[in-house]
Amino acid sequence: MSKSGLRVRLFLFVDCLLALRSKLKIVRSLQKYSGDESVELPVALKSILNFANPDFMP
């Protein structure tokens, strides 16, 4: 959490989380917020977040 880009994007995701009503919307939002260039995540974590099928969320 030392990276400000990650912190900001996670706060934005949490802010909209209550409005999301399906797993698909939650997954798409998480991918959208974590996929930004300002978010510095380890490669393994980015790979997990970019899974193809939202029904099989890790």
N, C-alpha and C. Protein backbone atom coordinates (compact mmCIF):
# COMPACT_ATOMS: atom_id res chain seq x y z
N MET A 1 0.81 -1.20 0.00
CA MET A 1 0.00 0.00 0.00
C MET A 1 0.85 1.26 0.00
N SER A 2 2.15 1.12 -0.19
CA SER A 2 3.00 2.29 -0.21
C SER A 2 2.85 3.07 -1.52
N LYS A 3 2.30 2.42 -2.53
CA LYS A 3 2.11 3.08 -3.82
C LYS A 3 0.79 3.83 -3.82
N SER A 4 0.82 5.13 -4.11
CA SER A 4 -0.40 5.94 -4.05
C SER A 4 -1.40 5.58 -5.15
N GLY A 5 -0.92 5.16 -6.32
CA GLY A 5 -1.83 4.79 -7.40
C GLY A 5 -2.71 3.62 -7.02
N LEU A 6 -2.12 2.62 -6.41
CA LEU A 6 -2.87 1.46 -5.95
C LEU A 6 -3.87 1.85 -4.87
N ARG A 7 -3.45 2.64 -3.95
CA ARG A 7 -4.32 3.07 -2.85
C ARG A 7 -5.54 3.82 -3.37
N VAL A 8 -5.34 4.75 -4.28
CA VAL A 8 -6.44 5.53 -4.84
C VAL A 8 -7.41 4.63 -5.59
N ARG A 9 -6.89 3.73 -6.42
CA ARG A 9 -7.76 2.85 -7.20
C ARG A 9 -8.55 1.90 -6.30
N LEU A 10 -7.94 1.40 -5.22
CA LEU A 10 -8.67 0.53 -4.30
C LEU A 10 -9.78 1.30 -3.58
N PHE A 11 -9.53 2.54 -3.19
CA PHE A 11 -10.58 3.34 -2.57
C PHE A 11 -11.73 3.59 -3.54
N LEU A 12 -11.42 3.84 -4.80
CA LEU A 12 -12.47 4.03 -5.80
C LEU A 12 -13.29 2.75 -5.99
N PHE A 13 -12.62 1.61 -6.01
CA PHE A 13 -13.32 0.34 -6.15
C PHE A 13 -14.23 0.09 -4.95
N VAL A 14 -13.72 0.28 -3.75
CA VAL A 14 -14.52 0.06 -2.54
C VAL A 14 -15.70 1.03 -2.50
N ASP A 15 -15.51 2.24 -2.97
CA ASP A 15 -16.57 3.23 -2.98
C ASP A 15 -17.76 2.79 -3.83
N CYS A 16 -17.51 2.14 -4.95
CA CYS A 16 -18.60 1.73 -5.83
C CYS A 16 -19.07 0.30 -5.56
N LEU A 17 -18.42 -0.41 -4.67
CA LEU A 17 -18.71 -1.83 -4.44
C LEU A 17 -20.16 -2.08 -4.01
N LEU A 18 -20.72 -1.25 -3.17
CA LEU A 18 -22.09 -1.46 -2.70
C LEU A 18 -23.12 -1.33 -3.81
N ALA A 19 -22.80 -0.59 -4.85
CA ALA A 19 -23.75 -0.40 -5.96
C ALA A 19 -23.72 -1.56 -6.95
N LEU A 20 -22.72 -2.39 -6.89
CA LEU A 20 -22.58 -3.50 -7.83
C LEU A 20 -23.41 -4.67 -7.35
N ARG A 21 -24.26 -5.22 -8.23
CA ARG A 21 -25.23 -6.23 -7.82
C ARG A 21 -24.94 -7.64 -8.33
N SER A 22 -23.91 -7.82 -9.13
CA SER A 22 -23.63 -9.16 -9.64
C SER A 22 -22.12 -9.42 -9.59
N LYS A 23 -21.76 -10.71 -9.61
CA LYS A 23 -20.34 -11.07 -9.62
C LYS A 23 -19.65 -10.51 -10.85
N LEU A 24 -20.33 -10.56 -11.98
CA LEU A 24 -19.73 -10.06 -13.21
C LEU A 24 -19.38 -8.58 -13.10
N LYS A 25 -20.29 -7.78 -12.55
CA LYS A 25 -20.02 -6.35 -12.40
C LYS A 25 -18.88 -6.09 -11.41
N ILE A 26 -18.83 -6.88 -10.36
CA ILE A 26 -17.75 -6.72 -9.37
C ILE A 26 -16.41 -7.05 -10.01
N VAL A 27 -16.37 -8.15 -10.75
CA VAL A 27 -15.13 -8.57 -11.40
C VAL A 27 -14.68 -7.55 -12.43
N ARG A 28 -15.61 -7.10 -13.26
CA ARG A 28 -15.25 -6.11 -14.29
C ARG A 28 -14.73 -4.82 -13.66
N SER A 29 -15.35 -4.38 -12.57
CA SER A 29 -14.90 -3.16 -11.90
C SER A 29 -13.52 -3.35 -11.28
N LEU A 30 -13.30 -4.50 -10.66
CA LEU A 30 -11.98 -4.78 -10.08
C LEU A 30 -10.91 -4.81 -11.16
N GLN A 31 -11.22 -5.42 -12.29
CA GLN A 31 -10.25 -5.44 -13.39
C GLN A 31 -10.01 -4.04 -13.93
N LYS A 32 -11.07 -3.25 -14.01
CA LYS A 32 -10.94 -1.88 -14.52
C LYS A 32 -10.05 -1.04 -13.59
N TYR A 33 -10.34 -1.10 -12.30
CA TYR A 33 -9.58 -0.28 -11.36
C TYR A 33 -8.15 -0.77 -11.16
N SER A 34 -7.91 -2.06 -11.25
CA SER A 34 -6.56 -2.56 -11.05
C SER A 34 -5.73 -2.56 -12.33
N GLY A 35 -6.38 -2.38 -13.48
CA GLY A 35 -5.68 -2.42 -14.75
C GLY A 35 -5.05 -1.11 -15.16
N ASP A 36 -5.26 -0.08 -14.40
CA ASP A 36 -4.71 1.24 -14.73
C ASP A 36 -3.19 1.23 -14.65
N GLU A 37 -2.54 2.03 -15.48
CA GLU A 37 -1.07 2.08 -15.50
C GLU A 37 -0.48 2.62 -14.21
N SER A 38 -1.25 3.44 -13.47
CA SER A 38 -0.72 4.01 -12.23
C SER A 38 -0.69 2.99 -11.10
N VAL A 39 -1.36 1.85 -11.30
CA VAL A 39 -1.39 0.80 -10.28
C VAL A 39 -0.23 -0.15 -10.52
N GLU A 40 0.66 -0.23 -9.56
CA GLU A 40 1.82 -1.11 -9.66
C GLU A 40 1.57 -2.36 -8.83
N LEU A 41 1.19 -3.43 -9.50
CA LEU A 41 0.95 -4.71 -8.85
C LEU A 41 1.99 -5.71 -9.31
N PRO A 42 2.29 -6.70 -8.49
CA PRO A 42 3.17 -7.77 -8.95
C PRO A 42 2.55 -8.49 -10.15
N VAL A 43 3.39 -9.00 -11.02
CA VAL A 43 2.93 -9.66 -12.25
C VAL A 43 1.97 -10.81 -11.93
N ALA A 44 2.28 -11.60 -10.91
CA ALA A 44 1.42 -12.74 -10.55
C ALA A 44 0.03 -12.27 -10.15
N LEU A 45 -0.06 -11.19 -9.40
CA LEU A 45 -1.35 -10.67 -8.97
C LEU A 45 -2.14 -10.12 -10.15
N LYS A 46 -1.48 -9.41 -11.06
CA LYS A 46 -2.16 -8.91 -12.25
C LYS A 46 -2.69 -10.07 -13.09
N SER A 47 -1.95 -11.16 -13.17
CA SER A 47 -2.40 -12.33 -13.92
C SER A 47 -3.65 -12.93 -13.31
N ILE A 48 -3.69 -12.99 -11.99
CA ILE A 48 -4.87 -13.53 -11.31
C ILE A 48 -6.08 -12.64 -11.55
N LEU A 49 -5.88 -11.33 -11.53
CA LEU A 49 -7.00 -10.41 -11.71
C LEU A 49 -7.51 -10.37 -13.15
N ASN A 50 -6.70 -10.79 -14.09
CA ASN A 50 -7.10 -10.76 -15.49
C ASN A 50 -7.55 -12.13 -15.98
N PHE A 51 -8.25 -12.84 -15.12
CA PHE A 51 -8.77 -14.15 -15.51
C PHE A 51 -9.88 -13.97 -16.53
N ALA A 52 -10.16 -14.99 -17.29
CA ALA A 52 -11.11 -14.90 -18.39
C ALA A 52 -12.56 -15.06 -17.96
N ASN A 53 -12.84 -15.97 -17.03
CA ASN A 53 -14.21 -16.29 -16.68
C ASN A 53 -14.53 -15.77 -15.28
N PRO A 54 -15.41 -14.78 -15.15
CA PRO A 54 -15.72 -14.22 -13.83
C PRO A 54 -16.46 -15.18 -12.91
N ASP A 55 -17.01 -16.27 -13.44
CA ASP A 55 -17.69 -17.25 -12.58
C ASP A 55 -16.70 -18.05 -11.75
N PHE A 56 -15.45 -18.07 -12.16
CA PHE A 56 -14.42 -18.82 -11.44
C PHE A 56 -13.41 -17.85 -10.85
N MET A 57 -13.90 -16.94 -10.05
CA MET A 57 -13.07 -15.93 -9.43
C MET A 57 -12.12 -16.57 -8.43
N PRO A 58 -10.82 -16.26 -8.49
CA PRO A 58 -9.87 -16.86 -7.55
C PRO A 58 -10.09 -16.36 -6.13
